[in-house]
């Protein structure tokens, strides 16, 4: 099992635009083979910081997600509304049944 935490720093005032993009990404990503979780969280202390928490069966599922058309479109649309590059951390772990 692999877990990704990806923090996005959105420009103030662009949160609604981000949420539309994030909703589309979330719907498509949850339907991917090998994806077991794809959630979005909003930081309480900062209205423009968001964190995706993603869980994949293995590295191949992460690669498939990274290379997917919906993720590539998200990255392209995200670039002009962010303050900094996405901060991505990948963790190896054991699932609930392991």
PDB file of N, CA and C in Angstrom:
ATOM      1  N   UNK A   1       0.847  -1.178   0.000  1.00  0.00           N
ATOM      2  CA  UNK A   1       0.000   0.000   0.000  1.00  0.00           C
ATOM      3  C   UNK A   1       0.888   1.235   0.000  1.00  0.00           C
ATOM      4  N   UNK A   2       0.497   2.238  -0.752  1.00  0.00           N
ATOM      5  CA  UNK A   2       1.219   3.507  -0.818  1.00  0.00           C
ATOM      6  C   UNK A   2       0.234   4.630  -0.540  1.00  0.00           C
ATOM      7  N   UNK A   3       0.669   5.586   0.286  1.00  0.00           N
ATOM      8  CA  UNK A   3      -0.161   6.746   0.608  1.00  0.00           C
ATOM      9  C   UNK A   3       0.567   8.007   0.164  1.00  0.00           C
ATOM     10  N   UNK A   4      -0.169   8.898  -0.450  1.00  0.00           N
ATOM     11  CA  UNK A   4       0.367  10.188  -0.872  1.00  0.00           C
ATOM     12  C   UNK A   4      -0.366  11.291  -0.130  1.00  0.00           C
ATOM     13  N   UNK A   5       0.393  12.224   0.412  1.00  0.00           N
ATOM     14  CA  UNK A   5      -0.150  13.486   0.930  1.00  0.00           C
ATOM     15  C   UNK A   5       0.400  14.578   0.033  1.00  0.00           C
ATOM     16  N   UNK A   6      -0.483  15.275  -0.647  1.00  0.00           N
ATOM     17  CA  UNK A   6      -0.079  16.328  -1.568  1.00  0.00           C
ATOM     18  C   UNK A   6      -0.726  17.642  -1.144  1.00  0.00           C
ATOM     19  N   UNK A   7       0.110  18.586  -0.717  1.00  0.00           N
ATOM     20  CA  UNK A   7      -0.384  19.883  -0.251  1.00  0.00           C
ATOM     21  C   UNK A   7      -0.336  20.882  -1.393  1.00  0.00           C
ATOM     22  N   UNK A   8      -1.442  21.590  -1.563  1.00  0.00           N
ATOM     23  CA  UNK A   8      -1.564  22.606  -2.612  1.00  0.00           C
ATOM     24  C   UNK A   8      -1.785  23.954  -1.946  1.00  0.00           C
ATOM     25  N   UNK A   9      -0.995  24.937  -2.347  1.00  0.00           N
ATOM     26  CA  UNK A   9      -1.106  26.302  -1.832  1.00  0.00           C
ATOM     27  C   UNK A   9      -1.726  27.173  -2.930  1.00  0.00           C
ATOM     28  N   UNK A  10      -3.016  27.428  -2.784  1.00  0.00           N
ATOM     29  CA  UNK A  10      -3.781  28.170  -3.792  1.00  0.00           C
ATOM     30  C   UNK A  10      -3.663  29.670  -3.523  1.00  0.00           C
ATOM     31  N   UNK A  11      -3.611  30.438  -4.588  1.00  0.00           N
ATOM     32  CA  UNK A  11      -3.593  31.892  -4.434  1.00  0.00           C
ATOM     33  C   UNK A  11      -4.884  32.349  -3.767  1.00  0.00           C
ATOM     34  N   UNK A  12      -4.795  33.252  -2.784  1.00  0.00           N
ATOM     35  CA  UNK A  12      -6.018  33.776  -2.163  1.00  0.00           C
ATOM     36  C   UNK A  12      -6.969  34.328  -3.233  1.00  0.00           C
ATOM     37  N   UNK A  13      -8.237  33.981  -3.080  1.00  0.00           N
ATOM     38  CA  UNK A  13      -9.250  34.397  -4.038  1.00  0.00           C
ATOM     39  C   UNK A  13      -9.483  33.397  -5.157  1.00  0.00           C
ATOM     40  N   UNK A  14      -8.633  32.372  -5.255  1.00  0.00           N
ATOM     41  CA  UNK A  14      -8.762  31.352  -6.307  1.00  0.00           C
ATOM     42  C   UNK A  14      -9.287  30.023  -5.769  1.00  0.00           C
ATOM     43  N   UNK A  15      -9.756  30.030  -4.519  1.00  0.00           N
ATOM     44  CA  UNK A  15     -10.196  28.792  -3.880  1.00  0.00           C
ATOM     45  C   UNK A  15     -11.372  28.136  -4.613  1.00  0.00           C
ATOM     46  N   UNK A  16     -12.330  28.929  -5.070  1.00  0.00           N
ATOM     47  CA  UNK A  16     -13.493  28.355  -5.768  1.00  0.00           C
ATOM     48  C   UNK A  16     -13.067  27.694  -7.078  1.00  0.00           C
ATOM     49  N   UNK A  17     -12.149  28.315  -7.791  1.00  0.00           N
ATOM     50  CA  UNK A  17     -11.628  27.718  -9.022  1.00  0.00           C
ATOM     51  C   UNK A  17     -10.929  26.403  -8.707  1.00  0.00           C
ATOM     52  N   UNK A  18     -10.121  26.419  -7.659  1.00  0.00           N
ATOM     53  CA  UNK A  18      -9.432  25.198  -7.253  1.00  0.00           C
ATOM     54  C   UNK A  18     -10.431  24.094  -6.917  1.00  0.00           C
ATOM     55  N   UNK A  19     -11.465  24.422  -6.169  1.00  0.00           N
ATOM     56  CA  UNK A  19     -12.432  23.403  -5.758  1.00  0.00           C
ATOM     57  C   UNK A  19     -13.116  22.746  -6.952  1.00  0.00           C
ATOM     58  N   UNK A  20     -13.407  23.501  -7.995  1.00  0.00           N
ATOM     59  CA  UNK A  20     -14.007  22.907  -9.200  1.00  0.00           C
ATOM     60  C   UNK A  20     -13.030  21.917  -9.833  1.00  0.00           C
ATOM     61  N   UNK A  21     -11.772  22.319  -9.931  1.00  0.00           N
ATOM     62  CA  UNK A  21     -10.748  21.434 -10.491  1.00  0.00           C
ATOM     63  C   UNK A  21     -10.573  20.191  -9.619  1.00  0.00           C
ATOM     64  N   UNK A  22     -10.538  20.405  -8.306  1.00  0.00           N
ATOM     65  CA  UNK A  22     -10.320  19.305  -7.361  1.00  0.00           C
ATOM     66  C   UNK A  22     -11.482  18.314  -7.375  1.00  0.00           C
ATOM     67  N   UNK A  23     -12.699  18.804  -7.511  1.00  0.00           N
ATOM     68  CA  UNK A  23     -13.855  17.901  -7.564  1.00  0.00           C
ATOM     69  C   UNK A  23     -13.771  16.984  -8.775  1.00  0.00           C
ATOM     70  N   UNK A  24     -13.421  17.538  -9.921  1.00  0.00           N
ATOM     71  CA  UNK A  24     -13.296  16.725 -11.133  1.00  0.00           C
ATOM     72  C   UNK A  24     -12.168  15.704 -10.981  1.00  0.00           C
ATOM     73  N   UNK A  25     -11.042  16.140 -10.426  1.00  0.00           N
ATOM     74  CA  UNK A  25      -9.913  15.230 -10.216  1.00  0.00           C
ATOM     75  C   UNK A  25     -10.293  14.115  -9.246  1.00  0.00           C
ATOM     76  N   UNK A  26     -10.961  14.465  -8.172  1.00  0.00           N
ATOM     77  CA  UNK A  26     -11.342  13.485  -7.158  1.00  0.00           C
ATOM     78  C   UNK A  26     -12.261  12.418  -7.742  1.00  0.00           C
ATOM     79  N   UNK A  27     -13.258  12.833  -8.494  1.00  0.00           N
ATOM     80  CA  UNK A  27     -14.198  11.880  -9.100  1.00  0.00           C
ATOM     81  C   UNK A  27     -13.472  10.912 -10.032  1.00  0.00           C
ATOM     82  N   UNK A  28     -12.627  11.451 -10.899  1.00  0.00           N
ATOM     83  CA  UNK A  28     -11.898  10.594 -11.849  1.00  0.00           C
ATOM     84  C   UNK A  28     -10.892   9.694 -11.142  1.00  0.00           C
ATOM     85  N   UNK A  29     -10.204  10.224 -10.154  1.00  0.00           N
ATOM     86  CA  UNK A  29      -9.165   9.453  -9.463  1.00  0.00           C
ATOM     87  C   UNK A  29      -9.746   8.315  -8.648  1.00  0.00           C
ATOM     88  N   UNK A  30     -10.898   8.524  -8.046  1.00  0.00           N
ATOM     89  CA  UNK A  30     -11.538   7.455  -7.262  1.00  0.00           C
ATOM     90  C   UNK A  30     -11.940   6.272  -8.132  1.00  0.00           C
ATOM     91  N   UNK A  31     -12.115   6.504  -9.429  1.00  0.00           N
ATOM     92  CA  UNK A  31     -12.514   5.436 -10.349  1.00  0.00           C
ATOM     93  C   UNK A  31     -11.315   4.665 -10.913  1.00  0.00           C
ATOM     94  N   UNK A  32     -10.107   5.094 -10.611  1.00  0.00           N
ATOM     95  CA  UNK A  32      -8.909   4.433 -11.136  1.00  0.00           C
ATOM     96  C   UNK A  32      -8.713   3.050 -10.509  1.00  0.00           C
ATOM     97  N   UNK A  33      -8.233   2.121 -11.314  1.00  0.00           N
ATOM     98  CA  UNK A  33      -7.844   0.808 -10.807  1.00  0.00           C
ATOM     99  C   UNK A  33      -6.654   1.004  -9.873  1.00  0.00           C
ATOM    100  N   UNK A  34      -6.718   0.424  -8.694  1.00  0.00           N
ATOM    101  CA  UNK A  34      -5.614   0.518  -7.751  1.00  0.00           C
ATOM    102  C   UNK A  34      -5.729   1.669  -6.776  1.00  0.00           C
ATOM    103  N   UNK A  35      -6.729   2.554  -6.954  1.00  0.00           N
ATOM    104  CA  UNK A  35      -6.942   3.637  -6.002  1.00  0.00           C
ATOM    105  C   UNK A  35      -7.951   3.171  -4.966  1.00  0.00           C
ATOM    106  N   UNK A  36      -7.588   3.277  -3.691  1.00  0.00           N
ATOM    107  CA  UNK A  36      -8.513   2.865  -2.634  1.00  0.00           C
ATOM    108  C   UNK A  36      -9.020   4.043  -1.812  1.00  0.00           C
ATOM    109  N   UNK A  37      -8.411   5.208  -2.009  1.00  0.00           N
ATOM    110  CA  UNK A  37      -8.869   6.404  -1.291  1.00  0.00           C
ATOM    111  C   UNK A  37      -8.326   7.636  -1.997  1.00  0.00           C
ATOM    112  N   UNK A  38      -9.171   8.643  -2.103  1.00  0.00           N
ATOM    113  CA  UNK A  38      -8.756   9.914  -2.686  1.00  0.00           C
ATOM    114  C   UNK A  38      -9.628  10.989  -2.048  1.00  0.00           C
ATOM    115  N   UNK A  39      -9.086  11.648  -1.042  1.00  0.00           N
ATOM    116  CA  UNK A  39      -9.839  12.634  -0.271  1.00  0.00           C
ATOM    117  C   UNK A  39      -9.136  13.983  -0.314  1.00  0.00           C
ATOM    118  N   UNK A  40      -9.903  15.033  -0.126  1.00  0.00           N
ATOM    119  CA  UNK A  40      -9.367  16.386  -0.097  1.00  0.00           C
ATOM    120  C   UNK A  40      -9.723  17.026   1.237  1.00  0.00           C
ATOM    121  N   UNK A  41      -8.723  17.636   1.856  1.00  0.00           N
ATOM    122  CA  UNK A  41      -8.910  18.324   3.131  1.00  0.00           C
ATOM    123  C   UNK A  41      -8.500  19.785   2.990  1.00  0.00           C
ATOM    124  N   UNK A  42      -9.159  20.615   3.752  1.00  0.00           N
ATOM    125  CA  UNK A  42      -8.919  22.052   3.756  1.00  0.00           C
ATOM    126  C   UNK A  42      -8.297  22.431   5.084  1.00  0.00           C
ATOM    127  N   UNK A  43      -7.208  23.170   5.050  1.00  0.00           N
ATOM    128  CA  UNK A  43      -6.527  23.561   6.287  1.00  0.00           C
ATOM    129  C   UNK A  43      -7.318  24.652   7.004  1.00  0.00           C
ATOM    130  N   UNK A  44      -7.633  24.441   8.266  1.00  0.00           N
ATOM    131  CA  UNK A  44      -8.414  25.409   9.046  1.00  0.00           C
ATOM    132  C   UNK A  44      -7.686  26.739   9.196  1.00  0.00           C
ATOM    133  N   UNK A  45      -6.403  26.689   9.403  1.00  0.00           N
ATOM    134  CA  UNK A  45      -5.634  27.908   9.694  1.00  0.00           C
ATOM    135  C   UNK A  45      -5.375  28.770   8.466  1.00  0.00           C
ATOM    136  N   UNK A  46      -5.611  28.230   7.277  1.00  0.00           N
ATOM    137  CA  UNK A  46      -5.331  28.987   6.048  1.00  0.00           C
ATOM    138  C   UNK A  46      -6.332  28.579   4.970  1.00  0.00           C
ATOM    139  N   UNK A  47      -7.183  29.495   4.575  1.00  0.00           N
ATOM    140  CA  UNK A  47      -8.250  29.194   3.614  1.00  0.00           C
ATOM    141  C   UNK A  47      -7.754  28.736   2.252  1.00  0.00           C
ATOM    142  N   UNK A  48      -6.480  28.987   1.950  1.00  0.00           N
ATOM    143  CA  UNK A  48      -5.984  28.661   0.612  1.00  0.00           C
ATOM    144  C   UNK A  48      -5.028  27.464   0.595  1.00  0.00           C
ATOM    145  N   UNK A  49      -4.958  26.714   1.697  1.00  0.00           N
ATOM    146  CA  UNK A  49      -4.145  25.499   1.731  1.00  0.00           C
ATOM    147  C   UNK A  49      -5.042  24.265   1.764  1.00  0.00           C
ATOM    148  N   UNK A  50      -4.723  23.299   0.909  1.00  0.00           N
ATOM    149  CA  UNK A  50      -5.506  22.075   0.776  1.00  0.00           C
ATOM    150  C   UNK A  50      -4.558  20.888   0.756  1.00  0.00           C
ATOM    151  N   UNK A  51      -5.037  19.723   1.213  1.00  0.00           N
ATOM    152  CA  UNK A  51      -4.231  18.512   1.189  1.00  0.00           C
ATOM    153  C   UNK A  51      -5.050  17.368   0.599  1.00  0.00           C
ATOM    154  N   UNK A  52      -4.501  16.745  -0.431  1.00  0.00           N
ATOM    155  CA  UNK A  52      -5.058  15.509  -0.957  1.00  0.00           C
ATOM    156  C   UNK A  52      -4.429  14.362  -0.184  1.00  0.00           C
ATOM    157  N   UNK A  53      -5.247  13.407   0.250  1.00  0.00           N
ATOM    158  CA  UNK A  53      -4.760  12.171   0.854  1.00  0.00           C
ATOM    159  C   UNK A  53      -5.215  11.052  -0.081  1.00  0.00           C
ATOM    160  N   UNK A  54      -4.229  10.362  -0.643  1.00  0.00           N
ATOM    161  CA  UNK A  54      -4.499   9.362  -1.674  1.00  0.00           C
ATOM    162  C   UNK A  54      -3.877   8.035  -1.242  1.00  0.00           C
ATOM    163  N   UNK A  55      -4.604   6.959  -1.447  1.00  0.00           N
ATOM    164  CA  UNK A  55      -4.075   5.635  -1.120  1.00  0.00           C
ATOM    165  C   UNK A  55      -4.187   4.761  -2.365  1.00  0.00           C
ATOM    166  N   UNK A  56      -3.065   4.116  -2.682  1.00  0.00           N
ATOM    167  CA  UNK A  56      -2.978   3.263  -3.865  1.00  0.00           C
ATOM    168  C   UNK A  56      -2.508   1.875  -3.469  1.00  0.00           C
ATOM    169  N   UNK A  57      -2.888   0.898  -4.250  1.00  0.00           N
ATOM    170  CA  UNK A  57      -2.514  -0.490  -3.978  1.00  0.00           C
ATOM    171  C   UNK A  57      -1.007  -0.693  -4.103  1.00  0.00           C
ATOM    172  N   UNK A  58      -0.383  -0.003  -5.063  1.00  0.00           N
ATOM    173  CA  UNK A  58       1.040  -0.215  -5.308  1.00  0.00           C
ATOM    174  C   UNK A  58       1.601   0.923  -6.156  1.00  0.00           C
ATOM    175  N   UNK A  59       2.890   0.831  -6.456  1.00  0.00           N
ATOM    176  CA  UNK A  59       3.564   1.860  -7.243  1.00  0.00           C
ATOM    177  C   UNK A  59       2.992   1.963  -8.653  1.00  0.00           C
ATOM    178  N   UNK A  60       2.600   0.843  -9.230  1.00  0.00           N
ATOM    179  CA  UNK A  60       2.027   0.861 -10.581  1.00  0.00           C
ATOM    180  C   UNK A  60       0.756   1.702 -10.630  1.00  0.00           C
ATOM    181  N   UNK A  61      -0.046   1.642  -9.576  1.00  0.00           N
ATOM    182  CA  UNK A  61      -1.273   2.449  -9.527  1.00  0.00           C
ATOM    183  C   UNK A  61      -0.941   3.935  -9.419  1.00  0.00           C
ATOM    184  N   UNK A  62       0.133   4.273  -8.701  1.00  0.00           N
ATOM    185  CA  UNK A  62       0.563   5.677  -8.625  1.00  0.00           C
ATOM    186  C   UNK A  62       1.018   6.166  -9.986  1.00  0.00           C
ATOM    187  N   UNK A  63       1.783   5.363 -10.680  1.00  0.00           N
ATOM    188  CA  UNK A  63       2.265   5.736 -12.013  1.00  0.00           C
ATOM    189  C   UNK A  63       1.088   5.919 -12.965  1.00  0.00           C
ATOM    190  N   UNK A  64       0.126   5.026 -12.909  1.00  0.00           N
ATOM    191  CA  UNK A  64      -1.060   5.149 -13.770  1.00  0.00           C
ATOM    192  C   UNK A  64      -1.808   6.443 -13.464  1.00  0.00           C
ATOM    193  N   UNK A  65      -1.940   6.782 -12.191  1.00  0.00           N
ATOM    194  CA  UNK A  65      -2.596   8.035 -11.811  1.00  0.00           C
ATOM    195  C   UNK A  65      -1.807   9.231 -12.333  1.00  0.00           C
ATOM    196  N   UNK A  66      -0.508   9.226 -12.076  1.00  0.00           N
ATOM    197  CA  UNK A  66       0.352  10.338 -12.506  1.00  0.00           C
ATOM    198  C   UNK A  66       0.287  10.561 -14.012  1.00  0.00           C
ATOM    199  N   UNK A  67       0.178   9.480 -14.778  1.00  0.00           N
ATOM    200  CA  UNK A  67       0.171   9.572 -16.232  1.00  0.00           C
ATOM    201  C   UNK A  67      -1.221   9.756 -16.832  1.00  0.00           C
ATOM    202  N   UNK A  68      -2.257   9.727 -15.995  1.00  0.00           N
ATOM    203  CA  UNK A  68      -3.629   9.807 -16.510  1.00  0.00           C
ATOM    204  C   UNK A  68      -3.927  11.178 -17.119  1.00  0.00           C
ATOM    205  N   UNK A  69      -4.814  11.188 -18.076  1.00  0.00           N
ATOM    206  CA  UNK A  69      -5.207  12.439 -18.740  1.00  0.00           C
ATOM    207  C   UNK A  69      -5.843  13.404 -17.746  1.00  0.00           C
ATOM    208  N   UNK A  70      -6.658  12.900 -16.821  1.00  0.00           N
ATOM    209  CA  UNK A  70      -7.332  13.802 -15.875  1.00  0.00           C
ATOM    210  C   UNK A  70      -6.346  14.444 -14.902  1.00  0.00           C
ATOM    211  N   UNK A  71      -5.297  13.712 -14.496  1.00  0.00           N
ATOM    212  CA  UNK A  71      -4.314  14.316 -13.596  1.00  0.00           C
ATOM    213  C   UNK A  71      -3.440  15.327 -14.343  1.00  0.00           C
ATOM    214  N   UNK A  72      -3.061  15.008 -15.548  1.00  0.00           N
ATOM    215  CA  UNK A  72      -2.253  15.940 -16.343  1.00  0.00           C
ATOM    216  C   UNK A  72      -3.033  17.227 -16.631  1.00  0.00           C
ATOM    217  N   UNK A  73      -4.330  17.104 -16.914  1.00  0.00           N
ATOM    218  CA  UNK A  73      -5.173  18.293 -17.136  1.00  0.00           C
ATOM    219  C   UNK A  73      -5.284  19.112 -15.853  1.00  0.00           C
ATOM    220  N   UNK A  74      -5.396  18.437 -14.712  1.00  0.00           N
ATOM    221  CA  UNK A  74      -5.451  19.122 -13.424  1.00  0.00           C
ATOM    222  C   UNK A  74      -4.182  19.929 -13.191  1.00  0.00           C
ATOM    223  N   UNK A  75      -3.029  19.320 -13.425  1.00  0.00           N
ATOM    224  CA  UNK A  75      -1.754  20.027 -13.222  1.00  0.00           C
ATOM    225  C   UNK A  75      -1.650  21.265 -14.099  1.00  0.00           C
ATOM    226  N   UNK A  76      -2.077  21.144 -15.340  1.00  0.00           N
ATOM    227  CA  UNK A  76      -2.028  22.282 -16.264  1.00  0.00           C
ATOM    228  C   UNK A  76      -2.921  23.413 -15.779  1.00  0.00           C
ATOM    229  N   UNK A  77      -4.129  23.089 -15.347  1.00  0.00           N
ATOM    230  CA  UNK A  77      -5.070  24.108 -14.866  1.00  0.00           C
ATOM    231  C   UNK A  77      -4.667  24.663 -13.507  1.00  0.00           C
ATOM    232  N   UNK A  78      -3.958  23.875 -12.714  1.00  0.00           N
ATOM    233  CA  UNK A  78      -3.561  24.278 -11.372  1.00  0.00           C
ATOM    234  C   UNK A  78      -2.442  25.320 -11.383  1.00  0.00           C
ATOM    235  N   UNK A  79      -1.515  25.193 -12.293  1.00  0.00           N
ATOM    236  CA  UNK A  79      -0.313  26.032 -12.299  1.00  0.00           C
ATOM    237  C   UNK A  79      -0.582  27.531 -12.147  1.00  0.00           C
ATOM    238  N   UNK A  80      -1.526  28.108 -12.881  1.00  0.00           N
ATOM    239  CA  UNK A  80      -1.705  29.566 -12.760  1.00  0.00           C
ATOM    240  C   UNK A  80      -2.447  30.034 -11.506  1.00  0.00           C
ATOM    241  N   UNK A  81      -2.943  29.102 -10.694  1.00  0.00           N
ATOM    242  CA  UNK A  81      -3.703  29.542  -9.504  1.00  0.00           C
ATOM    243  C   UNK A  81      -3.022  29.175  -8.187  1.00  0.00           C
ATOM    244  N   UNK A  82      -1.776  28.730  -8.257  1.00  0.00           N
ATOM    245  CA  UNK A  82      -1.061  28.358  -7.033  1.00  0.00           C
ATOM    246  C   UNK A  82       0.073  29.323  -6.726  1.00  0.00           C
ATOM    247  N   UNK A  83       0.473  29.339  -5.466  1.00  0.00           N
ATOM    248  CA  UNK A  83       1.570  30.186  -5.003  1.00  0.00           C
ATOM    249  C   UNK A  83       2.910  29.479  -5.009  1.00  0.00           C
ATOM    250  N   UNK A  84       2.901  28.152  -5.015  1.00  0.00           N
ATOM    251  CA  UNK A  84       4.127  27.368  -4.875  1.00  0.00           C
ATOM    252  C   UNK A  84       3.889  25.993  -5.490  1.00  0.00           C
ATOM    253  N   UNK A  85       4.960  25.286  -5.773  1.00  0.00           N
ATOM    254  CA  UNK A  85       4.782  23.908  -6.256  1.00  0.00           C
ATOM    255  C   UNK A  85       4.059  23.053  -5.220  1.00  0.00           C
ATOM    256  N   UNK A  86       3.357  22.047  -5.708  1.00  0.00           N
ATOM    257  CA  UNK A  86       2.684  21.112  -4.819  1.00  0.00           C
ATOM    258  C   UNK A  86       3.739  20.377  -3.994  1.00  0.00           C
ATOM    259  N   UNK A  87       3.485  20.238  -2.699  1.00  0.00           N
ATOM    260  CA  UNK A  87       4.383  19.514  -1.799  1.00  0.00           C
ATOM    261  C   UNK A  87       3.853  18.091  -1.684  1.00  0.00           C
ATOM    262  N   UNK A  88       4.589  17.136  -2.232  1.00  0.00           N
ATOM    263  CA  UNK A  88       4.122  15.749  -2.304  1.00  0.00           C
ATOM    264  C   UNK A  88       5.012  14.855  -1.449  1.00  0.00           C
ATOM    265  N   UNK A  89       4.377  14.073  -0.579  1.00  0.00           N
ATOM    266  CA  UNK A  89       5.080  13.077   0.232  1.00  0.00           C
ATOM    267  C   UNK A  89       4.435  11.719  -0.028  1.00  0.00           C
ATOM    268  N   UNK A  90       5.269  10.708  -0.274  1.00  0.00           N
ATOM    269  CA  UNK A  90       4.785   9.352  -0.526  1.00  0.00           C
ATOM    270  C   UNK A  90       5.265   8.451   0.602  1.00  0.00           C
ATOM    271  N   UNK A  91       4.329   7.674   1.145  1.00  0.00           N
ATOM    272  CA  UNK A  91       4.615   6.789   2.274  1.00  0.00           C
ATOM    273  C   UNK A  91       4.295   5.351   1.899  1.00  0.00           C
ATOM    274  N   UNK A  92       5.122   4.420   2.351  1.00  0.00           N
ATOM    275  CA  UNK A  92       4.828   2.999   2.263  1.00  0.00           C
ATOM    276  C   UNK A  92       4.123   2.603   3.549  1.00  0.00           C
ATOM    277  N   UNK A  93       3.174   1.696   3.442  1.00  0.00           N
ATOM    278  CA  UNK A  93       2.473   1.288   4.658  1.00  0.00           C
ATOM    279  C   UNK A  93       1.780  -0.033   4.510  1.00  0.00           C
ATOM    280  N   UNK A  94       1.201  -0.455   5.611  1.00  0.00           N
ATOM    281  CA  UNK A  94       0.412  -1.677   5.637  1.00  0.00           C
ATOM    282  C   UNK A  94      -1.052  -1.302   5.661  1.00  0.00           C
ATOM    283  N   UNK A  95      -1.845  -1.997   4.866  1.00  0.00           N
ATOM    284  CA  UNK A  95      -3.278  -1.736   4.862  1.00  0.00           C
ATOM    285  C   UNK A  95      -3.951  -2.364   6.062  1.00  0.00           C
ATOM    286  N   UNK A  96      -5.223  -2.098   6.212  1.00  0.00           N
ATOM    287  CA  UNK A  96      -5.987  -2.587   7.357  1.00  0.00           C
ATOM    288  C   UNK A  96      -6.026  -4.107   7.413  1.00  0.00           C
ATOM    289  N   UNK A  97      -5.905  -4.768   6.261  1.00  0.00           N
ATOM    290  CA  UNK A  97      -5.994  -6.233   6.228  1.00  0.00           C
ATOM    291  C   UNK A  97      -4.625  -6.891   6.202  1.00  0.00           C
ATOM    292  N   UNK A  98      -3.557  -6.113   6.235  1.00  0.00           N
ATOM    293  CA  UNK A  98      -2.202  -6.685   6.155  1.00  0.00           C
ATOM    294  C   UNK A  98      -1.596  -6.860   7.521  1.00  0.00           C
TER     295      UNK A  98
END
